[in-house]
Each structure stands twice: as C-alpha cells, then as structure tokens.
C-alpha cells in the first residue's frame, strides 16, 4: 500500500475538502493547514474506499488533527495499522510540522 500511495502523489489526486473538515456551525473557509491535511488525506482515500472505508478530518487544533475512520474501516482488525503506518505516515511526509494525530473512534 505504501508504494502505491507514494506513486499516487506524483499523479496528483483530485483535490477537494470533505464536509468533515469544516465545523458544522461555521461557514468559515478552511485554513491553509486544513487544506494541506485534506490534500494529504486525498492521497490515501482511494485505497480505503476500494475496501468500503474512508477517513474524515474531524478537528484541527493548532497543529494537531483528529481523524475518524469510517465505513468498513470501523471494526476492521487492520484499522490501527492503516492509521499508523498508512495515513499517519503520509501526513507526516506531506506536513512535517504536524503535531499529534488523534484517532476518533
């Protein structure tokens, strides 16, 4: 999976902000940091979606992010590995200044 994600970066994924990136009670535009997080998550999403899962950006606080795995990722025995060695790795490569990455189950 990791080699595939690295290759996908060169191809340039479709960019777009998920509704989870914005606070439901706020109409504000996402920050540059939030856009960068969403962009990095967009690199991983196709691989999660292929198996019926996905990842949502729940909250950004400073340089820390809270993520939620959804769909078939919920309850999957590999979900912790996916988060730690797939999603977190990509986020840290793309955004070196990112702080804590918190899983919201």
N, C-alpha and C. Protein backbone atom coordinates (compact mmCIF):
# COMPACT_ATOMS: atom_id res chain seq x y z
N UNK A 1 0.83 -1.20 0.00
CA UNK A 1 0.00 0.00 0.00
C UNK A 1 0.86 1.25 0.00
N UNK A 2 1.98 1.25 0.73
CA UNK A 2 2.78 2.46 0.88
C UNK A 2 3.42 2.86 -0.43
N UNK A 3 3.92 1.89 -1.21
CA UNK A 3 4.50 2.21 -2.50
C UNK A 3 3.46 2.78 -3.44
N UNK A 4 2.26 2.26 -3.38
CA UNK A 4 1.17 2.76 -4.22
C UNK A 4 0.83 4.19 -3.84
N UNK A 5 0.80 4.49 -2.56
CA UNK A 5 0.49 5.85 -2.12
C UNK A 5 1.56 6.81 -2.60
N UNK A 6 2.81 6.41 -2.53
CA UNK A 6 3.89 7.28 -2.99
C UNK A 6 3.74 7.56 -4.49
N UNK A 7 3.38 6.56 -5.27
CA UNK A 7 3.20 6.76 -6.71
C UNK A 7 2.03 7.69 -6.98
N UNK A 8 0.97 7.55 -6.23
CA UNK A 8 -0.22 8.37 -6.42
C UNK A 8 0.11 9.84 -6.22
N UNK A 9 1.04 10.15 -5.35
CA UNK A 9 1.42 11.54 -5.09
C UNK A 9 1.91 12.19 -6.38
N UNK A 10 2.67 11.48 -7.16
CA UNK A 10 3.21 12.02 -8.40
C UNK A 10 2.10 12.26 -9.43
N UNK A 11 1.07 11.44 -9.42
CA UNK A 11 -0.02 11.57 -10.37
C UNK A 11 -0.91 12.75 -10.05
N UNK A 12 -0.97 13.13 -8.80
CA UNK A 12 -1.80 14.27 -8.41
C UNK A 12 -3.25 13.89 -8.24
N UNK A 13 -3.69 13.64 -7.02
CA UNK A 13 -5.07 13.24 -6.76
C UNK A 13 -6.03 14.39 -6.95
N UNK A 14 -7.27 14.05 -7.08
CA UNK A 14 -8.32 15.07 -7.12
C UNK A 14 -8.33 15.78 -5.78
N UNK A 15 -8.44 17.08 -5.80
CA UNK A 15 -8.42 17.87 -4.56
C UNK A 15 -9.83 18.30 -4.22
N UNK A 16 -10.13 18.32 -2.94
CA UNK A 16 -11.43 18.79 -2.50
C UNK A 16 -11.57 18.61 -1.02
N UNK A 17 -12.26 19.49 -0.39
CA UNK A 17 -12.43 19.43 1.05
C UNK A 17 -13.66 18.63 1.39
N UNK A 18 -13.50 17.70 2.32
CA UNK A 18 -14.66 16.96 2.78
C UNK A 18 -15.46 17.83 3.73
N UNK A 19 -16.71 17.50 3.88
CA UNK A 19 -17.55 18.28 4.79
C UNK A 19 -17.06 18.17 6.23
N UNK A 20 -16.34 17.10 6.54
CA UNK A 20 -15.84 16.93 7.91
C UNK A 20 -14.74 17.93 8.25
N UNK A 21 -14.13 18.53 7.24
CA UNK A 21 -13.06 19.49 7.50
C UNK A 21 -13.59 20.80 8.03
N UNK A 22 -14.85 21.06 7.83
CA UNK A 22 -15.45 22.31 8.29
C UNK A 22 -16.34 22.04 9.49
N UNK A 23 -16.30 22.94 10.41
CA UNK A 23 -17.16 22.83 11.57
C UNK A 23 -18.60 23.04 11.11
N UNK A 24 -19.53 22.17 11.51
CA UNK A 24 -20.92 22.32 11.08
C UNK A 24 -21.52 23.66 11.46
N UNK A 25 -21.02 24.26 12.53
CA UNK A 25 -21.60 25.52 12.97
C UNK A 25 -20.86 26.73 12.40
N UNK A 26 -19.94 26.49 11.50
CA UNK A 26 -19.13 27.58 10.97
C UNK A 26 -19.17 27.60 9.45
N UNK A 27 -19.28 28.80 8.90
CA UNK A 27 -19.24 28.95 7.45
C UNK A 27 -17.88 29.46 7.00
N UNK A 28 -16.91 29.46 7.88
CA UNK A 28 -15.59 29.99 7.55
C UNK A 28 -14.89 29.11 6.52
N UNK A 29 -13.98 29.72 5.82
CA UNK A 29 -13.17 28.98 4.86
C UNK A 29 -12.11 28.17 5.61
N UNK A 30 -11.75 27.00 5.10
CA UNK A 30 -10.70 26.21 5.75
C UNK A 30 -9.36 26.95 5.69
N UNK A 31 -8.55 26.73 6.69
CA UNK A 31 -7.22 27.34 6.73
C UNK A 31 -6.30 26.61 5.75
N UNK A 32 -5.15 27.20 5.50
CA UNK A 32 -4.15 26.57 4.64
C UNK A 32 -3.73 25.22 5.22
N UNK A 33 -3.58 25.15 6.54
CA UNK A 33 -3.20 23.90 7.20
C UNK A 33 -4.27 22.84 6.97
N UNK A 34 -5.54 23.20 7.13
CA UNK A 34 -6.64 22.25 6.90
C UNK A 34 -6.66 21.78 5.46
N UNK A 35 -6.41 22.67 4.53
CA UNK A 35 -6.36 22.29 3.11
C UNK A 35 -5.22 21.29 2.86
N UNK A 36 -4.08 21.55 3.48
CA UNK A 36 -2.95 20.65 3.31
C UNK A 36 -3.23 19.27 3.90
N UNK A 37 -3.90 19.23 5.04
CA UNK A 37 -4.27 17.95 5.65
C UNK A 37 -5.23 17.21 4.73
N UNK A 38 -6.25 17.89 4.24
CA UNK A 38 -7.22 17.26 3.33
C UNK A 38 -6.53 16.76 2.06
N UNK A 39 -5.61 17.54 1.55
CA UNK A 39 -4.87 17.14 0.35
C UNK A 39 -4.09 15.85 0.60
N UNK A 40 -3.44 15.76 1.74
CA UNK A 40 -2.70 14.54 2.09
C UNK A 40 -3.65 13.37 2.28
N UNK A 41 -4.79 13.60 2.92
CA UNK A 41 -5.78 12.54 3.10
C UNK A 41 -6.34 12.06 1.77
N UNK A 42 -6.45 12.98 0.81
CA UNK A 42 -6.94 12.61 -0.52
C UNK A 42 -6.03 11.59 -1.19
N UNK A 43 -4.77 11.55 -0.81
CA UNK A 43 -3.85 10.55 -1.36
C UNK A 43 -4.18 9.15 -0.86
N UNK A 44 -4.72 9.04 0.33
CA UNK A 44 -4.97 7.74 0.95
C UNK A 44 -6.39 7.26 0.69
N UNK A 45 -7.31 8.18 0.54
CA UNK A 45 -8.73 7.82 0.44
C UNK A 45 -9.05 6.77 -0.62
N UNK A 46 -8.49 6.84 -1.82
CA UNK A 46 -8.86 5.82 -2.82
C UNK A 46 -8.59 4.40 -2.36
N UNK A 47 -7.55 4.20 -1.59
CA UNK A 47 -7.21 2.86 -1.12
C UNK A 47 -8.15 2.40 -0.01
N UNK A 48 -8.60 3.31 0.81
CA UNK A 48 -9.59 2.99 1.83
C UNK A 48 -10.94 2.74 1.18
N UNK A 49 -11.31 3.58 0.23
CA UNK A 49 -12.61 3.48 -0.43
C UNK A 49 -12.72 2.21 -1.25
N UNK A 50 -11.61 1.73 -1.76
CA UNK A 50 -11.63 0.49 -2.54
C UNK A 50 -12.16 -0.67 -1.70
N UNK A 51 -11.93 -0.60 -0.38
CA UNK A 51 -12.41 -1.65 0.52
C UNK A 51 -13.63 -1.22 1.32
N UNK A 52 -14.28 -0.13 0.89
CA UNK A 52 -15.51 0.31 1.54
C UNK A 52 -15.30 1.20 2.75
N UNK A 53 -14.11 1.72 2.94
CA UNK A 53 -13.82 2.59 4.07
C UNK A 53 -13.51 4.01 3.64
N UNK A 54 -13.16 4.83 4.59
CA UNK A 54 -12.77 6.21 4.31
C UNK A 54 -12.18 6.81 5.59
N UNK A 55 -11.66 8.01 5.47
CA UNK A 55 -11.13 8.75 6.61
C UNK A 55 -11.71 10.15 6.56
N UNK A 56 -12.08 10.66 7.73
CA UNK A 56 -12.62 12.02 7.84
C UNK A 56 -11.72 12.84 8.75
N UNK A 57 -11.56 14.09 8.38
CA UNK A 57 -10.90 15.06 9.25
C UNK A 57 -11.97 15.61 10.17
N UNK A 58 -11.86 15.31 11.45
CA UNK A 58 -12.87 15.69 12.43
C UNK A 58 -12.59 17.07 13.00
N UNK A 59 -11.32 17.32 13.34
CA UNK A 59 -10.99 18.57 14.03
C UNK A 59 -9.52 18.89 13.84
N UNK A 60 -9.24 20.18 13.76
CA UNK A 60 -7.87 20.68 13.76
C UNK A 60 -7.74 21.63 14.94
N UNK A 61 -6.75 21.38 15.78
CA UNK A 61 -6.47 22.26 16.93
C UNK A 61 -4.98 22.56 16.92
N UNK A 62 -4.64 23.77 16.52
CA UNK A 62 -3.23 24.12 16.38
C UNK A 62 -2.64 23.31 15.24
N UNK A 63 -1.60 22.54 15.54
CA UNK A 63 -1.03 21.68 14.51
C UNK A 63 -1.36 20.21 14.74
N UNK A 64 -2.34 19.93 15.59
CA UNK A 64 -2.81 18.57 15.84
C UNK A 64 -4.11 18.33 15.09
N UNK A 65 -4.31 17.09 14.68
CA UNK A 65 -5.53 16.74 13.95
C UNK A 65 -6.20 15.54 14.58
N UNK A 66 -7.51 15.52 14.47
CA UNK A 66 -8.30 14.38 14.92
C UNK A 66 -8.95 13.79 13.68
N UNK A 67 -8.74 12.48 13.49
CA UNK A 67 -9.26 11.77 12.33
C UNK A 67 -10.22 10.67 12.76
N UNK A 68 -11.14 10.34 11.87
CA UNK A 68 -12.07 9.24 12.14
C UNK A 68 -12.08 8.33 10.91
N UNK A 69 -11.85 7.05 11.15
CA UNK A 69 -12.02 6.06 10.10
C UNK A 69 -13.49 5.68 10.06
N UNK A 70 -14.04 5.57 8.87
CA UNK A 70 -15.47 5.29 8.72
C UNK A 70 -15.68 4.15 7.73
N UNK A 71 -16.93 3.74 7.61
CA UNK A 71 -17.28 2.66 6.68
C UNK A 71 -16.73 1.33 7.18
N UNK A 72 -16.21 0.54 6.25
CA UNK A 72 -15.69 -0.77 6.61
C UNK A 72 -14.43 -0.70 7.44
N UNK A 73 -13.83 0.48 7.55
CA UNK A 73 -12.64 0.62 8.41
C UNK A 73 -13.01 0.48 9.89
N UNK A 74 -14.25 0.79 10.22
CA UNK A 74 -14.71 0.69 11.61
C UNK A 74 -14.76 -0.79 11.98
N UNK A 75 -14.03 -1.15 13.00
CA UNK A 75 -14.02 -2.53 13.45
C UNK A 75 -13.09 -3.44 12.67
N UNK A 76 -12.43 -2.94 11.66
CA UNK A 76 -11.50 -3.75 10.87
C UNK A 76 -10.26 -4.04 11.71
N UNK A 77 -9.81 -5.28 11.73
CA UNK A 77 -8.62 -5.61 12.51
C UNK A 77 -7.37 -4.84 12.06
N UNK A 78 -7.35 -4.38 10.83
CA UNK A 78 -6.18 -3.66 10.31
C UNK A 78 -6.29 -2.16 10.45
N UNK A 79 -7.36 -1.66 11.04
CA UNK A 79 -7.58 -0.21 11.06
C UNK A 79 -6.48 0.55 11.81
N UNK A 80 -5.97 0.00 12.90
CA UNK A 80 -4.90 0.68 13.63
C UNK A 80 -3.63 0.74 12.80
N UNK A 81 -3.32 -0.33 12.11
CA UNK A 81 -2.15 -0.35 11.22
C UNK A 81 -2.34 0.63 10.07
N UNK A 82 -3.54 0.67 9.52
CA UNK A 82 -3.83 1.60 8.43
C UNK A 82 -3.62 3.03 8.90
N UNK A 83 -4.10 3.34 10.08
CA UNK A 83 -3.96 4.69 10.61
C UNK A 83 -2.49 5.01 10.88
N UNK A 84 -1.80 4.12 11.55
CA UNK A 84 -0.44 4.41 11.98
C UNK A 84 0.57 4.35 10.84
N UNK A 85 0.52 3.33 10.02
CA UNK A 85 1.56 3.14 9.01
C UNK A 85 1.15 3.59 7.62
N UNK A 86 -0.08 3.94 7.44
CA UNK A 86 -0.54 4.46 6.15
C UNK A 86 -0.85 5.93 6.23
N UNK A 87 -1.92 6.26 6.91
CA UNK A 87 -2.40 7.64 6.98
C UNK A 87 -1.41 8.54 7.71
N UNK A 88 -0.98 8.14 8.89
CA UNK A 88 -0.06 8.98 9.66
C UNK A 88 1.25 9.20 8.91
N UNK A 89 1.74 8.18 8.28
CA UNK A 89 3.00 8.30 7.53
C UNK A 89 2.88 9.32 6.41
N UNK A 90 1.78 9.26 5.67
CA UNK A 90 1.57 10.21 4.58
C UNK A 90 1.43 11.62 5.12
N UNK A 91 0.67 11.79 6.19
CA UNK A 91 0.50 13.13 6.78
C UNK A 91 1.84 13.70 7.22
N UNK A 92 2.67 12.90 7.85
CA UNK A 92 3.96 13.39 8.34
C UNK A 92 4.92 13.70 7.19
N UNK A 93 4.82 12.95 6.10
CA UNK A 93 5.64 13.25 4.92
C UNK A 93 5.22 14.57 4.29
N UNK A 94 3.93 14.76 4.15
CA UNK A 94 3.39 15.95 3.48
C UNK A 94 3.46 17.20 4.35
N UNK A 95 3.27 17.02 5.65
CA UNK A 95 3.16 18.17 6.57
C UNK A 95 4.11 17.92 7.75
N UNK A 96 5.39 18.23 7.58
CA UNK A 96 6.37 17.94 8.63
C UNK A 96 6.05 18.60 9.97
N UNK A 97 5.38 19.73 9.94
CA UNK A 97 5.09 20.44 11.20
C UNK A 97 3.85 19.92 11.91
N UNK A 98 3.22 18.88 11.36
CA UNK A 98 2.01 18.35 12.00
C UNK A 98 2.38 17.81 13.39
N UNK A 99 1.49 18.02 14.32
CA UNK A 99 1.70 17.57 15.69
C UNK A 99 1.07 16.21 15.92
N UNK A 100 0.26 16.15 16.93
CA UNK A 100 -0.40 14.90 17.31
C UNK A 100 -1.47 14.53 16.30
N UNK A 101 -1.54 13.24 15.99
CA UNK A 101 -2.59 12.71 15.12
C UNK A 101 -3.43 11.79 16.00
N UNK A 102 -4.66 12.20 16.23
CA UNK A 102 -5.54 11.53 17.19
C UNK A 102 -6.62 10.77 16.43
N UNK A 103 -6.81 9.51 16.80
CA UNK A 103 -7.88 8.72 16.21
C UNK A 103 -9.15 8.91 17.02
N UNK A 104 -10.21 9.27 16.34
CA UNK A 104 -11.52 9.42 16.97
C UNK A 104 -12.39 8.27 16.51
N UNK A 105 -12.65 7.33 17.39
CA UNK A 105 -13.43 6.17 17.02
C UNK A 105 -14.84 6.47 17.33
